[in-house]
Amino acid sequence: MAVTLWYHQIPDQTIVWYGYDGVPISIGSKLGLTVDRGLVLSDPQGKELWNSQLNNVAYGFMNDTSNFVLVRSDSFYLWESFKHATDTMLPTQIMESGGAINSRLSETNFSQGRFQFRLLLDGNLVLNTRDMATNFPYAAYYISDMYDPSNSSNSGYRVIFDDTGFMYILRRNNQRFYIKRQSMLFPTIEYFHRATLNFDGVFTQYYHPKTFDSDSVIIVGQIANARQGIPYLIRTIRMEAASQISHKAV
């Protein structure tokens, strides 16, 4: 089981973020928010299992893009889920140079798996496997070729999943390299989008209609081993310090 964020108002409540560090979680556990520890996970008997080790937390909220944020009383963001991505990116999310997401170990095991999607410091976006014991990254099976040793302004420094559903590498000269073909038949005003590094190592962008008469989830584009070019959590949630919500057990 894991603490998760997921698509709420579609038939398949797809998980888009999870917190898992190997601590067993029972059904009926609760996730609370305190001033001196931030998020606190407790078992059904009230025993603390885990906390986020953050101080001076005033409140937390979920915005319309699915970014869950913990905030100080002076409105400073102490922590946000978009900056601690797991295996999925959502529209408006940005990966900075040196950032990474990791696959799950399996469909139902939320331990970190073998595969990584990383934006290297040299500007290249790569997919690679890793050593499970040491986290050492092995040779990439996909490379974007966004490193230009002769002119650093041509190198990438951000991966952006924009609010229209396009995903691209932003070069330092502000030019864009689109990860998938530059066409959008499924606008975000009508479809929910996500991009996930699946447990089999394939990075895939999906969409789902915002009309809930369909269970279909469609693949927009994939990266596996060659260059190729859901909803937002609908309800805004604000957690005041000392409040509690039940977690989704998976």
C-alpha atoms as a PDB file:
ATOM      1  CA  MET A   1       0.000   0.000   0.000  1.00  0.00           C
ATOM      2  CA  ALA A   2       1.063   3.610  -0.539  1.00  0.00           C
ATOM      3  CA  VAL A   3      -0.118   7.170  -0.020  1.00  0.00           C
ATOM      4  CA  THR A   4      -1.294   8.351  -3.431  1.00  0.00           C
ATOM      5  CA  LEU A   5      -2.760  11.127  -5.539  1.00  0.00           C
ATOM      6  CA  TRP A   6      -5.048   9.895  -8.264  1.00  0.00           C
ATOM      7  CA  TYR A   7      -7.565  10.935 -10.898  1.00  0.00           C
ATOM      8  CA  HIS A   8     -10.798  11.255  -8.991  1.00  0.00           C
ATOM      9  CA  GLN A   9     -13.592  11.718 -11.522  1.00  0.00           C
ATOM     10  CA  ILE A  10     -12.903   9.111 -14.180  1.00  0.00           C
ATOM     11  CA  PRO A  11     -13.818   5.405 -13.965  1.00  0.00           C
ATOM     12  CA  ASP A  12     -10.182   4.297 -13.800  1.00  0.00           C
ATOM     13  CA  GLN A  13      -8.794   6.239 -10.832  1.00  0.00           C
ATOM     14  CA  THR A  14      -5.262   6.274 -12.193  1.00  0.00           C
ATOM     15  CA  ILE A  15      -2.500   7.046  -9.683  1.00  0.00           C
ATOM     16  CA  VAL A  16      -0.311  10.011 -10.679  1.00  0.00           C
ATOM     17  CA  TRP A  17       1.848  10.401  -7.537  1.00  0.00           C
ATOM     18  CA  TYR A  18       2.679   8.159  -4.613  1.00  0.00           C
ATOM     19  CA  GLY A  19       4.755   8.183  -1.477  1.00  0.00           C
ATOM     20  CA  TYR A  20       6.365   4.886  -0.589  1.00  0.00           C
ATOM     21  CA  ASP A  21       9.449   4.107   1.475  1.00  0.00           C
ATOM     22  CA  GLY A  22       8.743   0.512   2.426  1.00  0.00           C
ATOM     23  CA  VAL A  23       6.636   1.236   5.513  1.00  0.00           C
ATOM     24  CA  PRO A  24       3.659  -1.183   5.621  1.00  0.00           C
ATOM     25  CA  ILE A  25       0.325   0.687   5.531  1.00  0.00           C
ATOM     26  CA  SER A  26      -2.986  -0.834   6.640  1.00  0.00           C
ATOM     27  CA  ILE A  27      -6.457   0.005   5.389  1.00  0.00           C
ATOM     28  CA  GLY A  28      -7.885   2.620   7.724  1.00  0.00           C
ATOM     29  CA  SER A  29      -4.608   4.500   8.163  1.00  0.00           C
ATOM     30  CA  LYS A  30      -4.815   8.279   8.157  1.00  0.00           C
ATOM     31  CA  LEU A  31      -2.731  11.089   6.733  1.00  0.00           C
ATOM     32  CA  GLY A  32      -2.709  14.233   8.853  1.00  0.00           C
ATOM     33  CA  LEU A  33      -1.034  17.629   8.798  1.00  0.00           C
ATOM     34  CA  THR A  34       0.732  19.153  11.800  1.00  0.00           C
ATOM     35  CA  VAL A  35       2.679  22.367  12.295  1.00  0.00           C
ATOM     36  CA  ASP A  36       5.881  20.760  13.566  1.00  0.00           C
ATOM     37  CA  ARG A  37       6.150  17.660  11.341  1.00  0.00           C
ATOM     38  CA  GLY A  38       4.102  18.427   8.250  1.00  0.00           C
ATOM     39  CA  LEU A  39       2.432  15.352   6.828  1.00  0.00           C
ATOM     40  CA  VAL A  40       2.036  12.552   9.367  1.00  0.00           C
ATOM     41  CA  LEU A  41       0.927   9.031   8.472  1.00  0.00           C
ATOM     42  CA  SER A  42      -0.647   7.003  11.290  1.00  0.00           C
ATOM     43  CA  ASP A  43      -1.980   3.446  11.435  1.00  0.00           C
ATOM     44  CA  PRO A  44      -5.591   2.688  12.464  1.00  0.00           C
ATOM     45  CA  GLN A  45      -4.527   2.593  16.141  1.00  0.00           C
ATOM     46  CA  GLY A  46      -2.950   6.073  15.895  1.00  0.00           C
ATOM     47  CA  LYS A  47       0.688   4.924  15.865  1.00  0.00           C
ATOM     48  CA  GLU A  48       2.867   7.187  13.721  1.00  0.00           C
ATOM     49  CA  LEU A  49       4.401   5.368  10.749  1.00  0.00           C
ATOM     50  CA  TRP A  50       6.043   8.251   8.907  1.00  0.00           C
ATOM     51  CA  ASN A  51       6.266  12.049   8.764  1.00  0.00           C
ATOM     52  CA  SER A  52       7.606  14.535   6.222  1.00  0.00           C
ATOM     53  CA  GLN A  53      10.012  16.204   8.703  1.00  0.00           C
ATOM     54  CA  LEU A  54       8.923  19.715   7.786  1.00  0.00           C
ATOM     55  CA  ASN A  55       8.574  22.540  10.312  1.00  0.00           C
ATOM     56  CA  ASN A  56       6.300  25.579  10.450  1.00  0.00           C
ATOM     57  CA  VAL A  57       3.665  24.110   8.144  1.00  0.00           C
ATOM     58  CA  ALA A  58       0.556  26.314   8.138  1.00  0.00           C
ATOM     59  CA  TYR A  59      -1.575  24.516   5.578  1.00  0.00           C
ATOM     60  CA  GLY A  60      -1.582  22.332   2.496  1.00  0.00           C
ATOM     61  CA  PHE A  61      -3.647  22.562  -0.653  1.00  0.00           C
ATOM     62  CA  MET A  62      -4.249  20.817  -3.949  1.00  0.00           C
ATOM     63  CA  ASN A  63      -4.388  23.173  -6.907  1.00  0.00           C
ATOM     64  CA  ASP A  64      -6.205  22.644 -10.202  1.00  0.00           C
ATOM     65  CA  THR A  65      -3.152  21.081 -11.846  1.00  0.00           C
ATOM     66  CA  SER A  66      -2.859  18.280  -9.234  1.00  0.00           C
ATOM     67  CA  ASN A  67       0.142  19.861  -7.522  1.00  0.00           C
ATOM     68  CA  PHE A  68      -0.129  19.224  -3.770  1.00  0.00           C
ATOM     69  CA  VAL A  69       1.659  21.962  -1.819  1.00  0.00           C
ATOM     70  CA  LEU A  70       2.678  22.454   1.821  1.00  0.00           C
ATOM     71  CA  VAL A  71       2.940  26.129   2.754  1.00  0.00           C
ATOM     72  CA  ARG A  72       4.423  28.227   5.556  1.00  0.00           C
ATOM     73  CA  SER A  73       2.432  31.027   7.227  1.00  0.00           C
ATOM     74  CA  ASP A  74       4.263  33.583   5.039  1.00  0.00           C
ATOM     75  CA  SER A  75       3.029  31.726   1.897  1.00  0.00           C
ATOM     76  CA  PHE A  76       6.447  30.191   1.175  1.00  0.00           C
ATOM     77  CA  TYR A  77       6.164  26.784  -0.490  1.00  0.00           C
ATOM     78  CA  LEU A  78       7.966  24.249   1.709  1.00  0.00           C
ATOM     79  CA  TRP A  79       7.198  21.229  -0.457  1.00  0.00           C
ATOM     80  CA  GLU A  80       5.217  20.389  -3.590  1.00  0.00           C
ATOM     81  CA  SER A  81       4.470  17.093  -5.281  1.00  0.00           C
ATOM     82  CA  PHE A  82       5.400  18.474  -8.726  1.00  0.00           C
ATOM     83  CA  LYS A  83       8.988  18.866  -7.510  1.00  0.00           C
ATOM     84  CA  HIS A  84       9.043  15.329  -6.107  1.00  0.00           C
ATOM     85  CA  ALA A  85       7.626  13.442  -9.075  1.00  0.00           C
ATOM     86  CA  THR A  86       7.443   9.658  -8.917  1.00  0.00           C
ATOM     87  CA  ASP A  87       6.650   7.944 -12.245  1.00  0.00           C
ATOM     88  CA  THR A  88       4.307  10.503 -13.842  1.00  0.00           C
ATOM     89  CA  MET A  89       4.315  14.076 -15.162  1.00  0.00           C
ATOM     90  CA  LEU A  90       1.167  16.156 -15.613  1.00  0.00           C
ATOM     91  CA  PRO A  91       0.384  19.273 -17.663  1.00  0.00           C
ATOM     92  CA  THR A  92       2.138  22.421 -16.300  1.00  0.00           C
ATOM     93  CA  GLN A  93       4.815  20.257 -14.629  1.00  0.00           C
ATOM     94  CA  ILE A  94       8.487  21.102 -15.263  1.00  0.00           C
ATOM     95  CA  MET A  95      11.564  18.915 -14.833  1.00  0.00           C
ATOM     96  CA  GLU A  96      14.700  20.961 -14.216  1.00  0.00           C
ATOM     97  CA  SER A  97      18.220  19.998 -15.254  1.00  0.00           C
ATOM     98  CA  GLY A  98      19.345  17.055 -13.121  1.00  0.00           C
ATOM     99  CA  GLY A  99      15.765  15.940 -12.485  1.00  0.00           C
ATOM    100  CA  ALA A 100      14.427  12.400 -12.851  1.00  0.00           C
ATOM    101  CA  ILE A 101      11.399  10.178 -12.506  1.00  0.00           C
ATOM    102  CA  ASN A 102      11.561   6.451 -11.781  1.00  0.00           C
ATOM    103  CA  SER A 103       9.352   3.582 -12.838  1.00  0.00           C
ATOM    104  CA  ARG A 104       7.567   1.405 -10.319  1.00  0.00           C
ATOM    105  CA  LEU A 105       8.867  -2.078  -9.696  1.00  0.00           C
ATOM    106  CA  SER A 106       5.585  -3.495 -11.036  1.00  0.00           C
ATOM    107  CA  GLU A 107       2.027  -2.405 -11.679  1.00  0.00           C
ATOM    108  CA  THR A 108       1.121  -2.849  -8.002  1.00  0.00           C
ATOM    109  CA  ASN A 109       4.531  -2.530  -6.287  1.00  0.00           C
ATOM    110  CA  PHE A 110       5.404   1.114  -5.632  1.00  0.00           C
ATOM    111  CA  SER A 111       9.060   0.513  -4.852  1.00  0.00           C
ATOM    112  CA  GLN A 112      11.387   2.214  -7.336  1.00  0.00           C
ATOM    113  CA  GLY A 113      11.891   0.051 -10.390  1.00  0.00           C
ATOM    114  CA  ARG A 114      14.688  -0.472 -12.905  1.00  0.00           C
ATOM    115  CA  PHE A 115      13.995   2.409 -15.283  1.00  0.00           C
ATOM    116  CA  GLN A 116      14.669   6.146 -15.161  1.00  0.00           C
ATOM    117  CA  PHE A 117      13.652   9.179 -17.238  1.00  0.00           C
ATOM    118  CA  ARG A 118      16.325  11.827 -16.592  1.00  0.00           C
ATOM    119  CA  LEU A 119      17.348  15.273 -17.820  1.00  0.00           C
ATOM    120  CA  LEU A 120      21.118  15.218 -17.522  1.00  0.00           C
ATOM    121  CA  LEU A 121      23.167  18.260 -16.564  1.00  0.00           C
ATOM    122  CA  ASP A 122      24.610  18.347 -20.086  1.00  0.00           C
ATOM    123  CA  GLY A 123      21.116  18.884 -21.523  1.00  0.00           C
ATOM    124  CA  ASN A 124      20.362  15.383 -22.811  1.00  0.00           C
ATOM    125  CA  LEU A 125      17.087  13.696 -21.962  1.00  0.00           C
ATOM    126  CA  VAL A 126      17.659   9.973 -21.490  1.00  0.00           C
ATOM    127  CA  LEU A 127      15.914   6.744 -20.619  1.00  0.00           C
ATOM    128  CA  ASN A 128      18.139   4.271 -18.797  1.00  0.00           C
ATOM    129  CA  THR A 129      18.120   1.280 -16.505  1.00  0.00           C
ATOM    130  CA  ARG A 130      19.809   1.429 -13.115  1.00  0.00           C
ATOM    131  CA  ASP A 131      21.467  -0.856 -10.614  1.00  0.00           C
ATOM    132  CA  MET A 132      18.767  -1.591  -8.049  1.00  0.00           C
ATOM    133  CA  ALA A 133      21.209  -1.827  -5.141  1.00  0.00           C
ATOM    134  CA  THR A 134      23.452   1.202  -5.796  1.00  0.00           C
ATOM    135  CA  ASN A 135      21.213   3.364  -8.049  1.00  0.00           C
ATOM    136  CA  PHE A 136      24.067   3.495 -10.572  1.00  0.00           C
ATOM    137  CA  PRO A 137      22.640   4.454 -13.999  1.00  0.00           C
ATOM    138  CA  TYR A 138      23.516   2.159 -16.892  1.00  0.00           C
ATOM    139  CA  ALA A 139      23.897   3.225 -20.515  1.00  0.00           C
ATOM    140  CA  ALA A 140      20.857   4.987 -21.947  1.00  0.00           C
ATOM    141  CA  TYR A 141      18.520   3.203 -24.340  1.00  0.00           C
ATOM    142  CA  TYR A 142      17.117   6.564 -25.502  1.00  0.00           C
ATOM    143  CA  ILE A 143      19.081   9.835 -25.892  1.00  0.00           C
ATOM    144  CA  SER A 144      17.582  13.102 -27.134  1.00  0.00           C
ATOM    145  CA  ASP A 145      20.904  14.525 -28.486  1.00  0.00           C
ATOM    146  CA  MET A 146      20.276  17.888 -26.836  1.00  0.00           C
ATOM    147  CA  TYR A 147      23.915  18.383 -25.785  1.00  0.00           C
ATOM    148  CA  ASP A 148      25.966  20.810 -27.879  1.00  0.00           C
ATOM    149  CA  PRO A 149      29.555  21.063 -26.565  1.00  0.00           C
ATOM    150  CA  SER A 150      30.363  23.834 -29.042  1.00  0.00           C
ATOM    151  CA  ASN A 151      27.486  26.092 -27.996  1.00  0.00           C
ATOM    152  CA  SER A 152      25.866  25.528 -24.607  1.00  0.00           C
ATOM    153  CA  SER A 153      22.879  27.704 -25.555  1.00  0.00           C
ATOM    154  CA  ASN A 154      21.774  24.885 -27.868  1.00  0.00           C
ATOM    155  CA  SER A 155      21.672  22.401 -24.984  1.00  0.00           C
ATOM    156  CA  GLY A 156      18.511  21.515 -23.112  1.00  0.00           C
ATOM    157  CA  TYR A 157      17.869  22.573 -19.533  1.00  0.00           C
ATOM    158  CA  ARG A 158      14.179  21.889 -18.871  1.00  0.00           C
ATOM    159  CA  VAL A 159      11.544  19.323 -19.780  1.00  0.00           C
ATOM    160  CA  ILE A 160       8.180  21.071 -19.917  1.00  0.00           C
ATOM    161  CA  PHE A 161       4.755  19.437 -20.071  1.00  0.00           C
ATOM    162  CA  ASP A 162       2.728  22.498 -20.954  1.00  0.00           C
ATOM    163  CA  ASP A 163      -0.904  23.261 -20.240  1.00  0.00           C
ATOM    164  CA  THR A 164      -1.922  22.415 -23.815  1.00  0.00           C
ATOM    165  CA  GLY A 165      -0.639  18.829 -23.578  1.00  0.00           C
ATOM    166  CA  PHE A 166       2.640  19.233 -25.477  1.00  0.00           C
ATOM    167  CA  MET A 167       5.889  17.953 -23.973  1.00  0.00           C
ATOM    168  CA  TYR A 168       9.218  19.370 -25.060  1.00  0.00           C
ATOM    169  CA  ILE A 169      12.813  20.031 -24.051  1.00  0.00           C
ATOM    170  CA  LEU A 170      13.525  23.742 -23.709  1.00  0.00           C
ATOM    171  CA  ARG A 171      16.990  24.723 -24.898  1.00  0.00           C
ATOM    172  CA  ARG A 172      18.915  27.528 -23.208  1.00  0.00           C
ATOM    173  CA  ASN A 173      18.310  29.675 -26.302  1.00  0.00           C
ATOM    174  CA  ASN A 174      14.552  29.189 -25.726  1.00  0.00           C
ATOM    175  CA  GLN A 175      14.097  26.926 -28.753  1.00  0.00           C
ATOM    176  CA  ARG A 176      11.960  23.843 -28.260  1.00  0.00           C
ATOM    177  CA  PHE A 177      12.588  20.205 -29.091  1.00  0.00           C
ATOM    178  CA  TYR A 178       9.261  18.370 -29.046  1.00  0.00           C
ATOM    179  CA  ILE A 179       9.459  14.894 -27.581  1.00  0.00           C
ATOM    180  CA  LYS A 180       6.556  13.734 -29.732  1.00  0.00           C
ATOM    181  CA  ARG A 181       5.231  15.007 -33.053  1.00  0.00           C
ATOM    182  CA  GLN A 182       3.960  18.573 -32.886  1.00  0.00           C
ATOM    183  CA  SER A 183       0.249  18.026 -33.376  1.00  0.00           C
ATOM    184  CA  MET A 184      -2.555  17.888 -30.853  1.00  0.00           C
ATOM    185  CA  LEU A 185      -5.794  16.135 -31.722  1.00  0.00           C
ATOM    186  CA  PHE A 186      -6.748  15.833 -28.059  1.00  0.00           C
ATOM    187  CA  PRO A 187      -6.795  19.343 -26.485  1.00  0.00           C
ATOM    188  CA  THR A 188      -6.503  19.569 -22.718  1.00  0.00           C
ATOM    189  CA  ILE A 189      -9.745  21.522 -22.531  1.00  0.00           C
ATOM    190  CA  GLU A 190     -11.516  18.285 -23.526  1.00  0.00           C
ATOM    191  CA  TYR A 191      -9.075  15.562 -22.429  1.00  0.00           C
ATOM    192  CA  PHE A 192      -7.016  14.737 -19.366  1.00  0.00           C
ATOM    193  CA  HIS A 193      -3.338  14.077 -20.100  1.00  0.00           C
ATOM    194  CA  ARG A 194      -0.529  12.350 -18.257  1.00  0.00           C
ATOM    195  CA  ALA A 195       2.927  11.056 -19.169  1.00  0.00           C
ATOM    196  CA  THR A 196       4.144   7.986 -17.278  1.00  0.00           C
ATOM    197  CA  LEU A 197       7.334   5.942 -17.203  1.00  0.00           C
ATOM    198  CA  ASN A 198       5.757   2.493 -17.056  1.00  0.00           C
ATOM    199  CA  PHE A 199       7.294  -0.366 -15.103  1.00  0.00           C
ATOM    200  CA  ASP A 200       8.431  -1.947 -18.414  1.00  0.00           C
ATOM    201  CA  GLY A 201      10.580   1.109 -19.242  1.00  0.00           C
ATOM    202  CA  VAL A 202       8.333   2.657 -21.916  1.00  0.00           C
ATOM    203  CA  PHE A 203       7.617   6.373 -21.419  1.00  0.00           C
ATOM    204  CA  THR A 204       4.057   6.968 -22.612  1.00  0.00           C
ATOM    205  CA  GLN A 205       1.741   9.958 -22.893  1.00  0.00           C
ATOM    206  CA  TYR A 206      -1.938   9.119 -22.382  1.00  0.00           C
ATOM    207  CA  TYR A 207      -5.201  11.024 -22.644  1.00  0.00           C
ATOM    208  CA  HIS A 208      -8.685  10.361 -21.330  1.00  0.00           C
ATOM    209  CA  PRO A 209     -11.916  12.145 -22.344  1.00  0.00           C
ATOM    210  CA  LYS A 210     -13.266  14.515 -19.704  1.00  0.00           C
ATOM    211  CA  THR A 211     -16.753  13.254 -20.515  1.00  0.00           C
ATOM    212  CA  PHE A 212     -17.243  10.289 -18.260  1.00  0.00           C
ATOM    213  CA  ASP A 213     -19.259   8.080 -20.608  1.00  0.00           C
ATOM    214  CA  SER A 214     -16.060   6.435 -21.819  1.00  0.00           C
ATOM    215  CA  ASP A 215     -13.555   4.163 -20.084  1.00  0.00           C
ATOM    216  CA  SER A 216     -11.056   4.443 -22.925  1.00  0.00           C
ATOM    217  CA  VAL A 217      -7.503   5.581 -22.234  1.00  0.00           C
ATOM    218  CA  ILE A 218      -5.661   6.424 -25.443  1.00  0.00           C
ATOM    219  CA  ILE A 219      -1.913   6.516 -26.030  1.00  0.00           C
ATOM    220  CA  VAL A 220      -0.774   9.805 -27.601  1.00  0.00           C
ATOM    221  CA  GLY A 221       2.914   8.927 -28.001  1.00  0.00           C
ATOM    222  CA  GLN A 222       5.635   6.693 -26.620  1.00  0.00           C
ATOM    223  CA  ILE A 223       9.402   6.596 -26.207  1.00  0.00           C
ATOM    224  CA  ALA A 224      10.852   3.117 -25.932  1.00  0.00           C
ATOM    225  CA  ASN A 225      14.211   2.717 -27.667  1.00  0.00           C
ATOM    226  CA  ALA A 226      14.125   5.210 -30.523  1.00  0.00           C
ATOM    227  CA  ARG A 227      13.674   8.974 -30.980  1.00  0.00           C
ATOM    228  CA  GLN A 228      10.025   9.939 -31.421  1.00  0.00           C
ATOM    229  CA  GLY A 229       9.231  12.960 -31.565  1.00  0.00           C
ATOM    230  CA  ILE A 230      -5.974  12.493 -16.246  1.00  0.00           C
ATOM    231  CA  PRO A 231      -7.538  14.365 -14.979  1.00  0.00           C
ATOM    232  CA  TYR A 232      -6.430  17.046 -12.726  1.00  0.00           C
ATOM    233  CA  LEU A 233      -7.640  16.198  -9.243  1.00  0.00           C
ATOM    234  CA  ILE A 234     -10.867  18.022  -9.860  1.00  0.00           C
ATOM    235  CA  ARG A 235     -11.680  19.240  -6.395  1.00  0.00           C
ATOM    236  CA  THR A 236      -9.432  21.828  -4.728  1.00  0.00           C
ATOM    237  CA  ILE A 237      -8.409  20.522  -1.306  1.00  0.00           C
ATOM    238  CA  ARG A 238      -7.029  22.713   1.460  1.00  0.00           C
ATOM    239  CA  MET A 239      -5.738  20.999   4.594  1.00  0.00           C
ATOM    240  CA  GLU A 240      -5.302  23.199   7.643  1.00  0.00           C
ATOM    241  CA  ALA A 241      -2.631  22.235  10.133  1.00  0.00           C
ATOM    242  CA  ALA A 242      -3.847  19.454  12.466  1.00  0.00           C
ATOM    243  CA  SER A 243      -6.462  18.219   9.976  1.00  0.00           C
ATOM    244  CA  GLN A 244      -6.643  14.657   8.670  1.00  0.00           C
ATOM    245  CA  ILE A 245      -7.718  12.847   5.518  1.00  0.00           C
ATOM    246  CA  SER A 246      -7.916   9.143   4.813  1.00  0.00           C
ATOM    247  CA  HIS A 247      -5.416   7.865   2.266  1.00  0.00           C
ATOM    248  CA  LYS A 248      -6.242   5.705  -0.729  1.00  0.00           C
ATOM    249  CA  ALA A 249      -5.031   2.166  -0.046  1.00  0.00           C
ATOM    250  CA  VAL A 250      -3.622   0.388  -3.072  1.00  0.00           C
END
